[in-house]
Amino acid sequence: MTTRSLREQTLPRFALRREEAAASLSVSASTFDKWVGDGRMPKGRKVDGLMLWDTEQVREHWLALRDGVMTHNPLDEMVL
Protein backbone atom coordinates (compact mmCIF):
# COMPACT_ATOMS: atom_id res chain seq x y z
CA MET A 1 0.00 0.00 0.00
CA THR A 2 1.31 3.45 -0.79
CA THR A 3 1.90 6.14 1.80
CA ARG A 4 -0.78 8.81 1.73
CA SER A 5 -0.42 12.43 2.78
CA LEU A 6 -2.10 13.68 5.95
CA ARG A 7 -4.68 15.48 3.79
CA GLU A 8 -5.50 12.27 1.91
CA GLN A 9 -5.76 10.36 5.19
CA THR A 10 -8.29 12.80 6.64
CA LEU A 11 -10.60 13.01 3.62
CA PRO A 12 -13.87 11.08 3.99
CA ARG A 13 -13.68 7.68 2.29
CA PHE A 14 -16.72 6.48 0.39
CA ALA A 15 -15.08 3.54 -1.34
CA LEU A 16 -12.16 1.27 -0.54
CA ARG A 17 -9.88 -0.91 -2.58
CA ARG A 18 -9.69 -4.60 -1.63
CA GLU A 19 -6.58 -4.22 0.54
CA GLU A 20 -8.01 -1.14 2.26
CA ALA A 21 -11.33 -2.84 2.95
CA ALA A 22 -9.48 -5.81 4.46
CA ALA A 23 -7.25 -3.51 6.52
CA SER A 24 -10.30 -1.61 7.80
CA LEU A 25 -11.44 -4.93 9.34
CA SER A 26 -7.93 -5.87 10.54
CA VAL A 27 -7.90 -9.01 8.39
CA SER A 28 -5.77 -10.17 5.49
CA ALA A 29 -6.88 -9.65 1.92
CA SER A 30 -7.32 -13.42 1.54
CA THR A 31 -9.60 -13.56 4.59
CA PHE A 32 -11.57 -10.63 3.19
CA ASP A 33 -11.89 -12.51 -0.13
CA LYS A 34 -13.21 -15.55 1.75
CA TRP A 35 -15.76 -13.40 3.60
CA VAL A 36 -16.88 -11.81 0.31
CA GLY A 37 -17.17 -15.26 -1.24
CA ASP A 38 -19.40 -16.62 1.51
CA GLY A 39 -21.53 -13.47 1.79
CA ARG A 40 -20.22 -12.17 5.09
CA MET A 41 -18.91 -9.07 3.28
CA PRO A 42 -20.47 -7.31 0.28
CA LYS A 43 -19.29 -7.82 -3.26
CA GLY A 44 -17.24 -4.99 -4.69
CA ARG A 45 -18.23 -2.92 -7.70
CA LYS A 46 -16.05 -2.65 -10.77
CA VAL A 47 -15.61 0.94 -11.92
CA ASP A 48 -13.39 1.43 -14.97
CA GLY A 49 -11.51 -1.76 -14.23
CA LEU A 50 -11.03 -0.94 -10.53
CA MET A 51 -12.79 -2.98 -7.82
CA LEU A 52 -14.17 -0.81 -5.02
CA TRP A 53 -16.15 -1.59 -1.87
CA ASP A 54 -18.66 0.88 -0.44
CA THR A 55 -17.50 1.83 3.05
CA GLU A 56 -21.05 1.91 4.44
CA GLN A 57 -21.82 -1.58 3.11
CA VAL A 58 -18.58 -2.94 4.58
CA ARG A 59 -19.53 -1.36 7.92
CA GLU A 60 -23.09 -2.72 7.80
CA HIS A 61 -21.83 -6.22 7.04
CA TRP A 62 -19.25 -5.92 9.83
CA LEU A 63 -21.96 -4.95 12.34
CA ALA A 64 -24.07 -7.95 11.27
CA LEU A 65 -21.04 -10.24 11.53
CA ARG A 66 -20.15 -8.79 14.94
CA ASP A 67 -23.69 -9.28 16.18
CA GLY A 68 -23.96 -12.81 14.77
CA VAL A 69 -26.56 -11.89 12.15
CA MET A 70 -25.90 -13.26 8.68
CA THR A 71 -27.05 -10.69 6.11
CA HIS A 72 -26.79 -13.01 3.14
CA ASN A 73 -27.23 -16.76 2.98
CA PRO A 74 -25.45 -18.16 -0.09
CA LEU A 75 -27.72 -21.22 0.09
CA ASP A 76 -30.67 -18.97 -0.84
CA GLU A 77 -29.30 -18.90 -4.39
CA MET A 78 -29.29 -22.67 -4.75
CA VAL A 79 -32.09 -24.38 -6.61
CA LEU A 80 -33.81 -27.06 -4.57
PDB file of N, CA and C in Angstrom:
ATOM      1  N   MET A   1       0.849  -1.173   0.000  1.00  0.00           N
ATOM      2  CA  MET A   1       0.000   0.000   0.000  1.00  0.00           C
ATOM      3  C   MET A   1       0.893   1.235   0.000  1.00  0.00           C
ATOM      4  N   THR A   2       0.500   2.247  -0.718  1.00  0.00           N
ATOM      5  CA  THR A   2       1.307   3.453  -0.793  1.00  0.00           C
ATOM      6  C   THR A   2       1.045   4.353   0.403  1.00  0.00           C
ATOM      7  N   THR A   3       2.035   5.181   0.710  1.00  0.00           N
ATOM      8  CA  THR A   3       1.896   6.138   1.798  1.00  0.00           C
ATOM      9  C   THR A   3       1.068   7.316   1.314  1.00  0.00           C
ATOM     10  N   ARG A   4       0.077   7.691   2.103  1.00  0.00           N
ATOM     11  CA  ARG A   4      -0.785   8.809   1.729  1.00  0.00           C
ATOM     12  C   ARG A   4      -0.456  10.020   2.589  1.00  0.00           C
ATOM     13  N   SER A   5      -0.670  11.205   2.042  1.00  0.00           N
ATOM     14  CA  SER A   5      -0.422  12.435   2.782  1.00  0.00           C
ATOM     15  C   SER A   5      -1.464  12.571   3.895  1.00  0.00           C
ATOM     16  N   LEU A   6      -1.159  13.438   4.848  1.00  0.00           N
ATOM     17  CA  LEU A   6      -2.097  13.682   5.947  1.00  0.00           C
ATOM     18  C   LEU A   6      -3.444  14.157   5.403  1.00  0.00           C
ATOM     19  N   ARG A   7      -3.420  14.996   4.387  1.00  0.00           N
ATOM     20  CA  ARG A   7      -4.677  15.480   3.789  1.00  0.00           C
ATOM     21  C   ARG A   7      -5.478  14.325   3.220  1.00  0.00           C
ATOM     22  N   GLU A   8      -4.806  13.424   2.490  1.00  0.00           N
ATOM     23  CA  GLU A   8      -5.496  12.275   1.911  1.00  0.00           C
ATOM     24  C   GLU A   8      -6.042  11.358   3.000  1.00  0.00           C
ATOM     25  N   GLN A   9      -5.332  11.238   4.097  1.00  0.00           N
ATOM     26  CA  GLN A   9      -5.762  10.359   5.190  1.00  0.00           C
ATOM     27  C   GLN A   9      -6.980  10.892   5.919  1.00  0.00           C
ATOM     28  N   THR A  10      -7.178  12.210   5.902  1.00  0.00           N
ATOM     29  CA  THR A  10      -8.289  12.802   6.643  1.00  0.00           C
ATOM     30  C   THR A  10      -9.526  13.049   5.792  1.00  0.00           C
ATOM     31  N   LEU A  11      -9.429  12.846   4.485  1.00  0.00           N
ATOM     32  CA  LEU A  11     -10.605  13.009   3.624  1.00  0.00           C
ATOM     33  C   LEU A  11     -11.593  11.881   3.881  1.00  0.00           C
ATOM     34  N   PRO A  12     -12.897  12.161   3.825  1.00  0.00           N
ATOM     35  CA  PRO A  12     -13.875  11.080   3.985  1.00  0.00           C
ATOM     36  C   PRO A  12     -13.700  10.037   2.896  1.00  0.00           C
ATOM     37  N   ARG A  13     -13.829   8.772   3.252  1.00  0.00           N
ATOM     38  CA  ARG A  13     -13.675   7.681   2.285  1.00  0.00           C
ATOM     39  C   ARG A  13     -15.043   7.082   2.020  1.00  0.00           C
ATOM     40  N   PHE A  14     -15.436   7.057   0.777  1.00  0.00           N
ATOM     41  CA  PHE A  14     -16.721   6.482   0.389  1.00  0.00           C
ATOM     42  C   PHE A  14     -16.553   5.096  -0.210  1.00  0.00           C
ATOM     43  N   ALA A  15     -15.363   4.832  -0.719  1.00  0.00           N
ATOM     44  CA  ALA A  15     -15.079   3.543  -1.341  1.00  0.00           C
ATOM     45  C   ALA A  15     -13.652   3.130  -0.987  1.00  0.00           C
ATOM     46  N   LEU A  16     -13.463   1.817  -0.905  1.00  0.00           N
ATOM     47  CA  LEU A  16     -12.159   1.271  -0.538  1.00  0.00           C
ATOM     48  C   LEU A  16     -11.718   0.243  -1.560  1.00  0.00           C
ATOM     49  N   ARG A  17     -10.426   0.173  -1.792  1.00  0.00           N
ATOM     50  CA  ARG A  17      -9.879  -0.912  -2.585  1.00  0.00           C
ATOM     51  C   ARG A  17      -9.854  -2.158  -1.710  1.00  0.00           C
ATOM     52  N   ARG A  18      -9.651  -3.304  -2.333  1.00  0.00           N
ATOM     53  CA  ARG A  18      -9.690  -4.597  -1.634  1.00  0.00           C
ATOM     54  C   ARG A  18      -8.783  -4.598  -0.402  1.00  0.00           C
ATOM     55  N   GLU A  19      -7.537  -4.198  -0.567  1.00  0.00           N
ATOM     56  CA  GLU A  19      -6.582  -4.223   0.540  1.00  0.00           C
ATOM     57  C   GLU A  19      -6.997  -3.255   1.651  1.00  0.00           C
ATOM     58  N   GLU A  20      -7.565  -2.116   1.269  1.00  0.00           N
ATOM     59  CA  GLU A  20      -8.012  -1.140   2.255  1.00  0.00           C
ATOM     60  C   GLU A  20      -9.234  -1.650   3.014  1.00  0.00           C
ATOM     61  N   ALA A  21     -10.147  -2.282   2.295  1.00  0.00           N
ATOM     62  CA  ALA A  21     -11.334  -2.844   2.950  1.00  0.00           C
ATOM     63  C   ALA A  21     -10.913  -3.914   3.949  1.00  0.00           C
ATOM     64  N   ALA A  22      -9.976  -4.780   3.556  1.00  0.00           N
ATOM     65  CA  ALA A  22      -9.475  -5.815   4.460  1.00  0.00           C
ATOM     66  C   ALA A  22      -8.800  -5.172   5.669  1.00  0.00           C
ATOM     67  N   ALA A  23      -7.956  -4.176   5.421  1.00  0.00           N
ATOM     68  CA  ALA A  23      -7.250  -3.506   6.515  1.00  0.00           C
ATOM     69  C   ALA A  23      -8.220  -2.810   7.465  1.00  0.00           C
ATOM     70  N   SER A  24      -9.329  -2.282   6.939  1.00  0.00           N
ATOM     71  CA  SER A  24     -10.301  -1.613   7.803  1.00  0.00           C
ATOM     72  C   SER A  24     -10.946  -2.587   8.793  1.00  0.00           C
ATOM     73  N   LEU A  25     -10.888  -3.885   8.464  1.00  0.00           N
ATOM     74  CA  LEU A  25     -11.436  -4.929   9.343  1.00  0.00           C
ATOM     75  C   LEU A  25     -10.339  -5.658  10.108  1.00  0.00           C
ATOM     76  N   SER A  26      -9.097  -5.240   9.903  1.00  0.00           N
ATOM     77  CA  SER A  26      -7.933  -5.871  10.540  1.00  0.00           C
ATOM     78  C   SER A  26      -7.791  -7.337  10.169  1.00  0.00           C
ATOM     79  N   VAL A  27      -8.077  -7.649   8.898  1.00  0.00           N
ATOM     80  CA  VAL A  27      -7.903  -9.010   8.393  1.00  0.00           C
ATOM     81  C   VAL A  27      -7.054  -8.949   7.127  1.00  0.00           C
ATOM     82  N   SER A  28      -6.548 -10.111   6.734  1.00  0.00           N
ATOM     83  CA  SER A  28      -5.765 -10.171   5.495  1.00  0.00           C
ATOM     84  C   SER A  28      -6.694 -10.063   4.288  1.00  0.00           C
ATOM     85  N   ALA A  29      -6.099  -9.741   3.155  1.00  0.00           N
ATOM     86  CA  ALA A  29      -6.878  -9.652   1.919  1.00  0.00           C
ATOM     87  C   ALA A  29      -7.481 -11.009   1.568  1.00  0.00           C
ATOM     88  N   SER A  30      -6.770 -12.094   1.847  1.00  0.00           N
ATOM     89  CA  SER A  30      -7.317 -13.425   1.538  1.00  0.00           C
ATOM     90  C   SER A  30      -8.497 -13.765   2.447  1.00  0.00           C
ATOM     91  N   THR A  31      -8.454 -13.352   3.702  1.00  0.00           N
ATOM     92  CA  THR A  31      -9.600 -13.560   4.594  1.00  0.00           C
ATOM     93  C   THR A  31     -10.777 -12.719   4.126  1.00  0.00           C
ATOM     94  N   PHE A  32     -10.506 -11.492   3.717  1.00  0.00           N
ATOM     95  CA  PHE A  32     -11.565 -10.629   3.194  1.00  0.00           C
ATOM     96  C   PHE A  32     -12.207 -11.271   1.967  1.00  0.00           C
ATOM     97  N   ASP A  33     -11.379 -11.823   1.065  1.00  0.00           N
ATOM     98  CA  ASP A  33     -11.894 -12.508  -0.126  1.00  0.00           C
ATOM     99  C   ASP A  33     -12.805 -13.668   0.267  1.00  0.00           C
ATOM    100  N   LYS A  34     -12.406 -14.418   1.278  1.00  0.00           N
ATOM    101  CA  LYS A  34     -13.211 -15.551   1.755  1.00  0.00           C
ATOM    102  C   LYS A  34     -14.553 -15.043   2.274  1.00  0.00           C
ATOM    103  N   TRP A  35     -14.526 -13.966   3.046  1.00  0.00           N
ATOM    104  CA  TRP A  35     -15.759 -13.404   3.598  1.00  0.00           C
ATOM    105  C   TRP A  35     -16.665 -12.862   2.491  1.00  0.00           C
ATOM    106  N   VAL A  36     -16.083 -12.266   1.452  1.00  0.00           N
ATOM    107  CA  VAL A  36     -16.878 -11.808   0.309  1.00  0.00           C
ATOM    108  C   VAL A  36     -17.501 -13.021  -0.383  1.00  0.00           C
ATOM    109  N   GLY A  37     -16.707 -14.062  -0.563  1.00  0.00           N
ATOM    110  CA  GLY A  37     -17.172 -15.264  -1.242  1.00  0.00           C
ATOM    111  C   GLY A  37     -18.316 -15.958  -0.553  1.00  0.00           C
ATOM    112  N   ASP A  38     -18.317 -15.930   0.795  1.00  0.00           N
ATOM    113  CA  ASP A  38     -19.400 -16.622   1.506  1.00  0.00           C
ATOM    114  C   ASP A  38     -20.509 -15.671   1.962  1.00  0.00           C
ATOM    115  N   GLY A  39     -20.443 -14.410   1.522  1.00  0.00           N
ATOM    116  CA  GLY A  39     -21.532 -13.470   1.785  1.00  0.00           C
ATOM    117  C   GLY A  39     -21.433 -12.705   3.079  1.00  0.00           C
ATOM    118  N   ARG A  40     -20.351 -12.912   3.839  1.00  0.00           N
ATOM    119  CA  ARG A  40     -20.217 -12.168   5.092  1.00  0.00           C
ATOM    120  C   ARG A  40     -19.807 -10.723   4.859  1.00  0.00           C
ATOM    121  N   MET A  41     -19.240 -10.439   3.695  1.00  0.00           N
ATOM    122  CA  MET A  41     -18.906  -9.075   3.280  1.00  0.00           C
ATOM    123  C   MET A  41     -19.541  -8.855   1.911  1.00  0.00           C
ATOM    124  N   PRO A  42     -19.822  -7.586   1.568  1.00  0.00           N
ATOM    125  CA  PRO A  42     -20.468  -7.310   0.285  1.00  0.00           C
ATOM    126  C   PRO A  42     -19.521  -7.539  -0.882  1.00  0.00           C
ATOM    127  N   LYS A  43     -20.097  -7.739  -2.049  1.00  0.00           N
ATOM    128  CA  LYS A  43     -19.291  -7.821  -3.257  1.00  0.00           C
ATOM    129  C   LYS A  43     -18.889  -6.406  -3.660  1.00  0.00           C
ATOM    130  N   GLY A  44     -17.706  -6.282  -4.215  1.00  0.00           N
ATOM    131  CA  GLY A  44     -17.242  -4.985  -4.690  1.00  0.00           C
ATOM    132  C   GLY A  44     -17.906  -4.626  -6.009  1.00  0.00           C
ATOM    133  N   ARG A  45     -17.705  -3.413  -6.424  1.00  0.00           N
ATOM    134  CA  ARG A  45     -18.225  -2.922  -7.701  1.00  0.00           C
ATOM    135  C   ARG A  45     -17.047  -2.561  -8.589  1.00  0.00           C
ATOM    136  N   LYS A  46     -17.116  -2.971  -9.831  1.00  0.00           N
ATOM    137  CA  LYS A  46     -16.053  -2.649 -10.774  1.00  0.00           C
ATOM    138  C   LYS A  46     -16.372  -1.317 -11.439  1.00  0.00           C
ATOM    139  N   VAL A  47     -15.466  -0.376 -11.315  1.00  0.00           N
ATOM    140  CA  VAL A  47     -15.608   0.940 -11.922  1.00  0.00           C
ATOM    141  C   VAL A  47     -14.351   1.190 -12.756  1.00  0.00           C
ATOM    142  N   ASP A  48     -14.521   1.226 -14.067  1.00  0.00           N
ATOM    143  CA  ASP A  48     -13.385   1.435 -14.974  1.00  0.00           C
ATOM    144  C   ASP A  48     -12.225   0.485 -14.687  1.00  0.00           C
ATOM    145  N   GLY A  49     -12.538  -0.762 -14.453  1.00  0.00           N
ATOM    146  CA  GLY A  49     -11.510  -1.762 -14.226  1.00  0.00           C
ATOM    147  C   GLY A  49     -10.964  -1.805 -12.807  1.00  0.00           C
ATOM    148  N   LEU A  50     -11.490  -0.990 -11.909  1.00  0.00           N
ATOM    149  CA  LEU A  50     -11.032  -0.936 -10.525  1.00  0.00           C
ATOM    150  C   LEU A  50     -12.130  -1.465  -9.611  1.00  0.00           C
ATOM    151  N   MET A  51     -11.808  -2.444  -8.774  1.00  0.00           N
ATOM    152  CA  MET A  51     -12.787  -2.980  -7.821  1.00  0.00           C
ATOM    153  C   MET A  51     -12.803  -2.109  -6.574  1.00  0.00           C
ATOM    154  N   LEU A  52     -13.999  -1.662  -6.201  1.00  0.00           N
ATOM    155  CA  LEU A  52     -14.167  -0.811  -5.024  1.00  0.00           C
ATOM    156  C   LEU A  52     -15.290  -1.356  -4.150  1.00  0.00           C
ATOM    157  N   TRP A  53     -15.129  -1.187  -2.830  1.00  0.00           N
ATOM    158  CA  TRP A  53     -16.150  -1.588  -1.872  1.00  0.00           C
ATOM    159  C   TRP A  53     -16.680  -0.347  -1.187  1.00  0.00           C
ATOM    160  N   ASP A  54     -17.992  -0.236  -1.111  1.00  0.00           N
ATOM    161  CA  ASP A  54     -18.661   0.879  -0.445  1.00  0.00           C
ATOM    162  C   ASP A  54     -18.381   0.782   1.055  1.00  0.00           C
ATOM    163  N   THR A  55     -17.874   1.859   1.637  1.00  0.00           N
ATOM    164  CA  THR A  55     -17.496   1.829   3.054  1.00  0.00           C
ATOM    165  C   THR A  55     -18.702   1.565   3.961  1.00  0.00           C
ATOM    166  N   GLU A  56     -19.857   2.122   3.606  1.00  0.00           N
ATOM    167  CA  GLU A  56     -21.050   1.907   4.439  1.00  0.00           C
ATOM    168  C   GLU A  56     -21.508   0.452   4.389  1.00  0.00           C
ATOM    169  N   GLN A  57     -21.432  -0.171   3.207  1.00  0.00           N
ATOM    170  CA  GLN A  57     -21.821  -1.577   3.112  1.00  0.00           C
ATOM    171  C   GLN A  57     -20.860  -2.466   3.886  1.00  0.00           C
ATOM    172  N   VAL A  58     -19.566  -2.170   3.807  1.00  0.00           N
ATOM    173  CA  VAL A  58     -18.585  -2.944   4.583  1.00  0.00           C
ATOM    174  C   VAL A  58     -18.899  -2.812   6.074  1.00  0.00           C
ATOM    175  N   ARG A  59     -19.204  -1.593   6.502  1.00  0.00           N
ATOM    176  CA  ARG A  59     -19.529  -1.356   7.922  1.00  0.00           C
ATOM    177  C   ARG A  59     -20.800  -2.092   8.331  1.00  0.00           C
ATOM    178  N   GLU A  60     -21.838  -2.028   7.491  1.00  0.00           N
ATOM    179  CA  GLU A  60     -23.092  -2.722   7.798  1.00  0.00           C
ATOM    180  C   GLU A  60     -22.876  -4.229   7.909  1.00  0.00           C
ATOM    181  N   HIS A  61     -22.110  -4.787   6.990  1.00  0.00           N
ATOM    182  CA  HIS A  61     -21.828  -6.221   7.038  1.00  0.00           C
ATOM    183  C   HIS A  61     -20.989  -6.566   8.268  1.00  0.00           C
ATOM    184  N   TRP A  62     -20.058  -5.677   8.628  1.00  0.00           N
ATOM    185  CA  TRP A  62     -19.255  -5.925   9.829  1.00  0.00           C
ATOM    186  C   TRP A  62     -20.151  -5.949  11.069  1.00  0.00           C
ATOM    187  N   LEU A  63     -21.068  -4.999  11.177  1.00  0.00           N
ATOM    188  CA  LEU A  63     -21.959  -4.954  12.344  1.00  0.00           C
ATOM    189  C   LEU A  63     -22.804  -6.225  12.428  1.00  0.00           C
ATOM    190  N   ALA A  64     -23.286  -6.706  11.294  1.00  0.00           N
ATOM    191  CA  ALA A  64     -24.069  -7.945  11.271  1.00  0.00           C
ATOM    192  C   ALA A  64     -23.194  -9.136  11.673  1.00  0.00           C
ATOM    193  N   LEU A  65     -21.960  -9.159  11.180  1.00  0.00           N
ATOM    194  CA  LEU A  65     -21.039 -10.237  11.530  1.00  0.00           C
ATOM    195  C   LEU A  65     -20.699 -10.180  13.014  1.00  0.00           C
ATOM    196  N   ARG A  66     -20.448  -8.988  13.510  1.00  0.00           N
ATOM    197  CA  ARG A  66     -20.148  -8.791  14.936  1.00  0.00           C
ATOM    198  C   ARG A  66     -21.298  -9.260  15.823  1.00  0.00           C
ATOM    199  N   ASP A  67     -22.512  -8.960  15.380  1.00  0.00           N
ATOM    200  CA  ASP A  67     -23.688  -9.285  16.177  1.00  0.00           C
ATOM    201  C   ASP A  67     -24.222 -10.689  15.922  1.00  0.00           C
ATOM    202  N   GLY A  68     -23.551 -11.432  15.042  1.00  0.00           N
ATOM    203  CA  GLY A  68     -23.961 -12.806  14.765  1.00  0.00           C
ATOM    204  C   GLY A  68     -25.166 -12.920  13.860  1.00  0.00           C
ATOM    205  N   VAL A  69     -25.431 -11.883  13.082  1.00  0.00           N
ATOM    206  CA  VAL A  69     -26.563 -11.889  12.155  1.00  0.00           C
ATOM    207  C   VAL A  69     -26.013 -12.019  10.739  1.00  0.00           C
ATOM    208  N   MET A  70     -26.374 -13.086  10.044  1.00  0.00           N
ATOM    209  CA  MET A  70     -25.898 -13.255   8.677  1.00  0.00           C
ATOM    210  C   MET A  70     -26.813 -12.472   7.755  1.00  0.00           C
ATOM    211  N   THR A  71     -26.237 -11.534   6.984  1.00  0.00           N
ATOM    212  CA  THR A  71     -27.055 -10.687   6.113  1.00  0.00           C
ATOM    213  C   THR A  71     -27.373 -11.357   4.787  1.00  0.00           C
ATOM    214  N   HIS A  72     -26.584 -12.346   4.417  1.00  0.00           N
ATOM    215  CA  HIS A  72     -26.787 -13.010   3.136  1.00  0.00           C
ATOM    216  C   HIS A  72     -26.490 -14.485   3.311  1.00  0.00           C
ATOM    217  N   ASN A  73     -27.423 -15.311   2.913  1.00  0.00           N
ATOM    218  CA  ASN A  73     -27.231 -16.758   2.979  1.00  0.00           C
ATOM    219  C   ASN A  73     -26.977 -17.264   1.569  1.00  0.00           C
ATOM    220  N   PRO A  74     -25.746 -17.708   1.261  1.00  0.00           N
ATOM    221  CA  PRO A  74     -25.451 -18.159  -0.091  1.00  0.00           C
ATOM    222  C   PRO A  74     -26.304 -19.356  -0.517  1.00  0.00           C
ATOM    223  N   LEU A  75     -26.866 -20.089   0.434  1.00  0.00           N
ATOM    224  CA  LEU A  75     -27.722 -21.224   0.094  1.00  0.00           C
ATOM    225  C   LEU A  75     -29.053 -20.772  -0.496  1.00  0.00           C
ATOM    226  N   ASP A  76     -29.431 -19.505  -0.258  1.00  0.00           N
ATOM    227  CA  ASP A  76     -30.673 -18.975  -0.838  1.00  0.00           C
ATOM    228  C   ASP A  76     -30.633 -18.984  -2.360  1.00  0.00           C
ATOM    229  N   GLU A  77     -29.443 -18.948  -2.939  1.00  0.00           N
ATOM    230  CA  GLU A  77     -29.305 -18.899  -4.391  1.00  0.00           C
ATOM    231  C   GLU A  77     -29.305 -20.264  -5.028  1.00  0.00           C
ATOM    232  N   MET A  78     -29.310 -21.322  -4.215  1.00  0.00           N
ATOM    233  CA  MET A  78     -29.288 -22.668  -4.745  1.00  0.00           C
ATOM    234  C   MET A  78     -30.702 -23.111  -5.111  1.00  0.00           C
ATOM    235  N   VAL A  79     -30.809 -23.852  -6.181  1.00  0.00           N
ATOM    236  CA  VAL A  79     -32.095 -24.379  -6.614  1.00  0.00           C
ATOM    237  C   VAL A  79     -32.330 -25.691  -5.886  1.00  0.00           C
ATOM    238  N   LEU A  80     -33.490 -25.819  -5.291  1.00  0.00           N
ATOM    239  CA  LEU A  80     -33.809 -27.061  -4.570  1.00  0.00           C
ATOM    240  C   LEU A  80     -34.526 -28.034  -5.466  1.00  0.00           C
TER     241      LEU A  80
END
